[in-house]
Amino acid sequence: MKIIVYYLLLLVFIALFSGFILQRQGDSMTMSQMVSASVLLGLYVAGMSLAGEGKTIDEREVSHRYLANRQALLAGTVILSVGVLYQLFFHRLDYWLLASLMVINLVKIISLIYSSYKK
């Protein structure tokens, strides 16, 4: 039950944060708002990175963790690919999308190579 509350709190936080960003979309943010938004987003990323990384009890939990990580990787790759394709059609490619897509795939390839040759 504790882990479900943790996940729900992370979802509520990102929903509130997104609402704040969308509300401020037309206006420019002050420096203190930018710094606080950056710090909060950094805390969210740290919290989300640690989600599900606790001690595993059995093989079923390990399987669920691997499945969740695989689905997250797939969703991130698909969203970044769609973003790159969308921007290519309008001739204004944001190179951060392309770089992040390349980094995701590069880390996956390096991890697979390392895992297969690890003794």
N, C-alpha and C. Protein backbone atom coordinates (compact mmCIF):
# COMPACT_ATOMS: atom_id res chain seq x y z
N MET A 1 0.82 -1.20 0.00
CA MET A 1 0.00 0.00 0.00
C MET A 1 0.86 1.26 0.00
N LYS A 2 2.01 1.19 0.71
CA LYS A 2 2.88 2.35 0.80
C LYS A 2 3.44 2.74 -0.57
N ILE A 3 3.77 1.75 -1.39
CA ILE A 3 4.33 2.03 -2.71
C ILE A 3 3.28 2.66 -3.63
N ILE A 4 2.02 2.27 -3.49
CA ILE A 4 0.95 2.85 -4.31
C ILE A 4 0.77 4.33 -3.95
N VAL A 5 0.83 4.64 -2.66
CA VAL A 5 0.72 6.05 -2.23
C VAL A 5 1.89 6.85 -2.79
N TYR A 6 3.09 6.26 -2.78
CA TYR A 6 4.28 6.92 -3.33
C TYR A 6 4.09 7.24 -4.81
N TYR A 7 3.62 6.27 -5.59
CA TYR A 7 3.38 6.49 -7.02
C TYR A 7 2.29 7.53 -7.25
N LEU A 8 1.22 7.44 -6.48
CA LEU A 8 0.14 8.41 -6.63
C LEU A 8 0.59 9.83 -6.29
N LEU A 9 1.43 9.97 -5.27
CA LEU A 9 1.96 11.30 -4.94
C LEU A 9 2.82 11.85 -6.07
N LEU A 10 3.62 10.99 -6.69
CA LEU A 10 4.42 11.43 -7.82
C LEU A 10 3.54 11.86 -9.00
N LEU A 11 2.46 11.12 -9.25
CA LEU A 11 1.54 11.49 -10.33
C LEU A 11 0.82 12.80 -10.03
N VAL A 12 0.39 12.98 -8.80
CA VAL A 12 -0.28 14.23 -8.41
C VAL A 12 0.70 15.40 -8.55
N PHE A 13 1.94 15.18 -8.13
CA PHE A 13 2.93 16.25 -8.23
C PHE A 13 3.16 16.67 -9.68
N ILE A 14 3.35 15.70 -10.58
CA ILE A 14 3.62 16.07 -11.98
C ILE A 14 2.39 16.70 -12.61
N ALA A 15 1.20 16.32 -12.19
CA ALA A 15 -0.02 16.95 -12.71
C ALA A 15 -0.09 18.41 -12.26
N LEU A 16 0.19 18.66 -10.99
CA LEU A 16 0.18 20.05 -10.49
C LEU A 16 1.28 20.88 -11.13
N PHE A 17 2.45 20.28 -11.30
CA PHE A 17 3.56 20.99 -11.93
C PHE A 17 3.23 21.32 -13.38
N SER A 18 2.64 20.37 -14.09
CA SER A 18 2.25 20.62 -15.48
C SER A 18 1.19 21.71 -15.57
N GLY A 19 0.24 21.70 -14.64
CA GLY A 19 -0.77 22.75 -14.60
C GLY A 19 -0.15 24.12 -14.39
N PHE A 20 0.84 24.18 -13.51
CA PHE A 20 1.53 25.46 -13.27
C PHE A 20 2.26 25.93 -14.52
N ILE A 21 2.95 25.02 -15.19
CA ILE A 21 3.70 25.38 -16.40
C ILE A 21 2.74 25.81 -17.51
N LEU A 22 1.64 25.09 -17.68
CA LEU A 22 0.68 25.44 -18.73
C LEU A 22 0.00 26.77 -18.44
N GLN A 23 -0.22 27.06 -17.17
CA GLN A 23 -0.82 28.33 -16.79
C GLN A 23 0.11 29.49 -17.10
N ARG A 24 1.40 29.28 -16.95
CA ARG A 24 2.40 30.33 -17.17
C ARG A 24 2.91 30.34 -18.60
N GLN A 25 2.31 29.59 -19.50
CA GLN A 25 2.84 29.42 -20.85
C GLN A 25 2.95 30.73 -21.62
N GLY A 26 1.94 31.58 -21.57
CA GLY A 26 1.98 32.83 -22.31
C GLY A 26 2.86 33.88 -21.64
N ASP A 27 2.93 33.83 -20.32
CA ASP A 27 3.71 34.81 -19.57
C ASP A 27 5.13 34.32 -19.40
N SER A 28 6.03 35.24 -19.20
CA SER A 28 7.39 34.84 -18.88
C SER A 28 7.53 34.70 -17.37
N MET A 29 8.30 33.73 -16.95
CA MET A 29 8.48 33.48 -15.53
C MET A 29 9.62 34.32 -14.99
N THR A 30 9.51 34.67 -13.72
CA THR A 30 10.61 35.38 -13.08
C THR A 30 11.72 34.39 -12.77
N MET A 31 12.88 34.93 -12.39
CA MET A 31 14.02 34.07 -12.09
C MET A 31 13.73 33.14 -10.91
N SER A 32 13.06 33.64 -9.88
CA SER A 32 12.76 32.78 -8.73
C SER A 32 11.78 31.68 -9.11
N GLN A 33 10.82 31.97 -10.00
CA GLN A 33 9.90 30.93 -10.45
C GLN A 33 10.62 29.88 -11.28
N MET A 34 11.55 30.32 -12.12
CA MET A 34 12.32 29.37 -12.93
C MET A 34 13.18 28.47 -12.06
N VAL A 35 13.84 29.06 -11.06
CA VAL A 35 14.71 28.27 -10.18
C VAL A 35 13.87 27.28 -9.37
N SER A 36 12.74 27.74 -8.83
CA SER A 36 11.91 26.83 -8.04
C SER A 36 11.31 25.74 -8.92
N ALA A 37 10.92 26.06 -10.13
CA ALA A 37 10.39 25.04 -11.04
C ALA A 37 11.48 24.03 -11.40
N SER A 38 12.69 24.51 -11.61
CA SER A 38 13.81 23.61 -11.94
C SER A 38 14.13 22.69 -10.78
N VAL A 39 14.15 23.24 -9.56
CA VAL A 39 14.43 22.42 -8.38
C VAL A 39 13.34 21.38 -8.18
N LEU A 40 12.08 21.79 -8.31
CA LEU A 40 10.98 20.85 -8.15
C LEU A 40 11.01 19.76 -9.21
N LEU A 41 11.33 20.12 -10.43
CA LEU A 41 11.42 19.12 -11.49
C LEU A 41 12.59 18.18 -11.24
N GLY A 42 13.69 18.69 -10.74
CA GLY A 42 14.83 17.84 -10.39
C GLY A 42 14.47 16.86 -9.28
N LEU A 43 13.73 17.33 -8.27
CA LEU A 43 13.28 16.43 -7.20
C LEU A 43 12.33 15.37 -7.74
N TYR A 44 11.46 15.76 -8.66
CA TYR A 44 10.54 14.79 -9.26
C TYR A 44 11.32 13.72 -10.03
N VAL A 45 12.31 14.14 -10.80
CA VAL A 45 13.10 13.18 -11.57
C VAL A 45 13.83 12.22 -10.63
N ALA A 46 14.39 12.75 -9.54
CA ALA A 46 15.07 11.89 -8.57
C ALA A 46 14.07 10.92 -7.93
N GLY A 47 12.90 11.42 -7.56
CA GLY A 47 11.89 10.55 -6.97
C GLY A 47 11.39 9.49 -7.92
N MET A 48 11.19 9.87 -9.17
CA MET A 48 10.70 8.91 -10.16
C MET A 48 11.78 7.90 -10.52
N SER A 49 13.05 8.30 -10.48
CA SER A 49 14.14 7.37 -10.77
C SER A 49 14.22 6.29 -9.71
N LEU A 50 13.90 6.66 -8.48
CA LEU A 50 13.99 5.70 -7.39
C LEU A 50 12.72 4.88 -7.23
N ALA A 51 11.69 5.18 -7.98
CA ALA A 51 10.43 4.44 -7.86
C ALA A 51 10.63 2.99 -8.27
N GLY A 52 10.29 2.10 -7.39
CA GLY A 52 10.41 0.68 -7.68
C GLY A 52 11.80 0.13 -7.55
N GLU A 53 12.74 0.89 -7.03
CA GLU A 53 14.12 0.42 -6.93
C GLU A 53 14.46 -0.13 -5.55
N GLY A 54 13.45 -0.47 -4.78
CA GLY A 54 13.68 -1.03 -3.45
C GLY A 54 14.12 -2.48 -3.52
N LYS A 55 14.16 -3.11 -2.37
CA LYS A 55 14.56 -4.50 -2.26
C LYS A 55 13.47 -5.40 -2.86
N THR A 56 13.88 -6.32 -3.71
CA THR A 56 12.91 -7.23 -4.32
C THR A 56 12.73 -8.46 -3.43
N ILE A 57 11.51 -8.94 -3.39
CA ILE A 57 11.20 -10.08 -2.53
C ILE A 57 11.25 -11.39 -3.32
N ASP A 58 10.68 -11.40 -4.51
CA ASP A 58 10.63 -12.63 -5.29
C ASP A 58 10.81 -12.33 -6.78
N GLU A 59 10.78 -13.40 -7.57
CA GLU A 59 10.99 -13.27 -9.01
C GLU A 59 9.88 -12.49 -9.69
N ARG A 60 8.69 -12.56 -9.13
CA ARG A 60 7.55 -11.85 -9.71
C ARG A 60 7.79 -10.33 -9.66
N GLU A 61 8.31 -9.84 -8.54
CA GLU A 61 8.62 -8.40 -8.44
C GLU A 61 9.72 -8.00 -9.40
N VAL A 62 10.72 -8.85 -9.55
CA VAL A 62 11.79 -8.56 -10.50
C VAL A 62 11.23 -8.49 -11.92
N SER A 63 10.35 -9.43 -12.25
CA SER A 63 9.72 -9.43 -13.56
C SER A 63 8.87 -8.19 -13.78
N HIS A 64 8.13 -7.77 -12.78
CA HIS A 64 7.32 -6.55 -12.89
C HIS A 64 8.19 -5.32 -13.09
N ARG A 65 9.31 -5.26 -12.37
CA ARG A 65 10.22 -4.12 -12.52
C ARG A 65 10.81 -4.06 -13.92
N TYR A 66 11.26 -5.20 -14.43
CA TYR A 66 11.81 -5.23 -15.78
C TYR A 66 10.76 -4.85 -16.82
N LEU A 67 9.54 -5.33 -16.64
CA LEU A 67 8.47 -5.01 -17.57
C LEU A 67 8.15 -3.51 -17.53
N ALA A 68 8.10 -2.93 -16.33
CA ALA A 68 7.83 -1.49 -16.21
C ALA A 68 8.95 -0.67 -16.84
N ASN A 69 10.19 -1.07 -16.62
CA ASN A 69 11.32 -0.35 -17.22
C ASN A 69 11.29 -0.45 -18.74
N ARG A 70 10.93 -1.61 -19.25
CA ARG A 70 10.86 -1.79 -20.70
C ARG A 70 9.75 -0.94 -21.31
N GLN A 71 8.60 -0.91 -20.66
CA GLN A 71 7.49 -0.10 -21.17
C GLN A 71 7.81 1.39 -21.10
N ALA A 72 8.50 1.82 -20.05
CA ALA A 72 8.89 3.22 -19.94
C ALA A 72 9.88 3.60 -21.03
N LEU A 73 10.83 2.72 -21.29
CA LEU A 73 11.80 2.97 -22.36
C LEU A 73 11.11 3.04 -23.71
N LEU A 74 10.18 2.14 -23.95
CA LEU A 74 9.44 2.13 -25.21
C LEU A 74 8.61 3.40 -25.36
N ALA A 75 7.91 3.80 -24.30
CA ALA A 75 7.08 5.01 -24.37
C ALA A 75 7.94 6.25 -24.60
N GLY A 76 9.06 6.36 -23.90
CA GLY A 76 9.95 7.50 -24.09
C GLY A 76 10.51 7.56 -25.50
N THR A 77 10.90 6.42 -26.03
CA THR A 77 11.45 6.37 -27.38
C THR A 77 10.40 6.74 -28.42
N VAL A 78 9.19 6.23 -28.24
CA VAL A 78 8.12 6.54 -29.19
C VAL A 78 7.78 8.03 -29.16
N ILE A 79 7.66 8.59 -27.96
CA ILE A 79 7.31 10.02 -27.85
C ILE A 79 8.40 10.90 -28.44
N LEU A 80 9.65 10.58 -28.17
CA LEU A 80 10.74 11.37 -28.75
C LEU A 80 10.79 11.21 -30.26
N SER A 81 10.56 10.00 -30.77
CA SER A 81 10.57 9.79 -32.22
C SER A 81 9.44 10.56 -32.89
N VAL A 82 8.26 10.54 -32.30
CA VAL A 82 7.14 11.30 -32.86
C VAL A 82 7.45 12.79 -32.82
N GLY A 83 8.07 13.26 -31.74
CA GLY A 83 8.45 14.67 -31.65
C GLY A 83 9.45 15.06 -32.72
N VAL A 84 10.44 14.20 -32.97
CA VAL A 84 11.43 14.48 -34.02
C VAL A 84 10.75 14.50 -35.38
N LEU A 85 9.90 13.52 -35.66
CA LEU A 85 9.20 13.48 -36.96
C LEU A 85 8.30 14.69 -37.14
N TYR A 86 7.57 15.07 -36.10
CA TYR A 86 6.69 16.23 -36.18
C TYR A 86 7.49 17.49 -36.50
N GLN A 87 8.60 17.66 -35.81
CA GLN A 87 9.39 18.87 -36.06
C GLN A 87 10.08 18.83 -37.42
N LEU A 88 10.42 17.64 -37.90
CA LEU A 88 11.02 17.56 -39.23
C LEU A 88 10.05 18.02 -40.31
N PHE A 89 8.77 17.73 -40.14
CA PHE A 89 7.79 18.15 -41.13
C PHE A 89 7.61 19.66 -41.16
N PHE A 90 7.91 20.34 -40.06
CA PHE A 90 7.79 21.79 -40.02
C PHE A 90 9.15 22.49 -40.15
N HIS A 91 10.19 21.72 -40.47
CA HIS A 91 11.52 22.25 -40.76
C HIS A 91 12.09 23.08 -39.62
N ARG A 92 11.85 22.65 -38.39
CA ARG A 92 12.44 23.34 -37.25
C ARG A 92 12.76 22.31 -36.17
N LEU A 93 13.79 21.52 -36.41
CA LEU A 93 14.15 20.42 -35.52
C LEU A 93 14.86 20.94 -34.28
N ASP A 94 14.36 20.55 -33.12
CA ASP A 94 15.00 20.85 -31.85
C ASP A 94 16.00 19.73 -31.59
N TYR A 95 17.28 20.07 -31.55
CA TYR A 95 18.31 19.05 -31.45
C TYR A 95 18.34 18.34 -30.10
N TRP A 96 17.69 18.90 -29.08
CA TRP A 96 17.61 18.22 -27.79
C TRP A 96 16.76 16.95 -27.91
N LEU A 97 15.72 16.98 -28.71
CA LEU A 97 14.92 15.77 -28.93
C LEU A 97 15.76 14.68 -29.58
N LEU A 98 16.49 15.05 -30.60
CA LEU A 98 17.32 14.09 -31.31
C LEU A 98 18.44 13.57 -30.43
N ALA A 99 19.07 14.45 -29.67
CA ALA A 99 20.16 14.03 -28.78
C ALA A 99 19.65 13.10 -27.69
N SER A 100 18.49 13.40 -27.12
CA SER A 100 17.97 12.53 -26.06
C SER A 100 17.57 11.17 -26.62
N LEU A 101 17.03 11.13 -27.81
CA LEU A 101 16.70 9.86 -28.44
C LEU A 101 17.97 9.04 -28.68
N MET A 102 19.02 9.69 -29.14
CA MET A 102 20.28 9.00 -29.36
C MET A 102 20.89 8.50 -28.05
N VAL A 103 20.81 9.29 -27.00
CA VAL A 103 21.38 8.88 -25.71
C VAL A 103 20.62 7.69 -25.14
N ILE A 104 19.30 7.69 -25.23
CA ILE A 104 18.51 6.56 -24.74
C ILE A 104 18.94 5.27 -25.44
N ASN A 105 19.04 5.31 -26.75
CA ASN A 105 19.41 4.11 -27.50
C ASN A 105 20.86 3.73 -27.28
N LEU A 106 21.75 4.70 -27.14
CA LEU A 106 23.15 4.42 -26.89
C LEU A 106 23.35 3.76 -25.53
N VAL A 107 22.67 4.26 -24.51
CA VAL A 107 22.77 3.65 -23.18
C VAL A 107 22.21 2.24 -23.18
N LYS A 108 21.14 2.01 -23.91
CA LYS A 108 20.57 0.67 -24.00
C LYS A 108 21.56 -0.28 -24.66
N ILE A 109 22.18 0.14 -25.75
CA ILE A 109 23.13 -0.71 -26.46
C ILE A 109 24.35 -0.99 -25.60
N ILE A 110 24.88 0.03 -24.94
CA ILE A 110 26.04 -0.16 -24.08
C ILE A 110 25.71 -1.08 -22.90
N SER A 111 24.53 -0.93 -22.34
CA SER A 111 24.11 -1.80 -21.23
C SER A 111 23.98 -3.25 -21.68
N LEU A 112 23.42 -3.47 -22.86
CA LEU A 112 23.30 -4.83 -23.37
C LEU A 112 24.67 -5.44 -23.64
N ILE A 113 25.58 -4.67 -24.22
CA ILE A 113 26.93 -5.18 -24.47
C ILE A 113 27.64 -5.49 -23.17
N TYR A 114 27.54 -4.58 -22.21
CA TYR A 114 28.19 -4.79 -20.90
C TYR A 114 27.61 -6.02 -20.20
N SER A 115 26.29 -6.17 -20.25
CA SER A 115 25.65 -7.31 -19.57
C SER A 115 26.03 -8.64 -20.21
N SER A 116 26.20 -8.65 -21.53
CA SER A 116 26.52 -9.91 -22.19
C SER A 116 27.99 -10.32 -21.97
N TYR A 117 28.88 -9.36 -21.74
CA TYR A 117 30.30 -9.69 -21.54
C TYR A 117 30.74 -9.65 -20.09
N LYS A 118 29.84 -9.32 -19.18
CA LYS A 118 30.16 -9.27 -17.76
C LYS A 118 30.36 -10.70 -17.25
N LYS A 119 31.38 -10.89 -16.47
CA LYS A 119 31.67 -12.25 -15.97
C LYS A 119 31.39 -12.36 -14.50
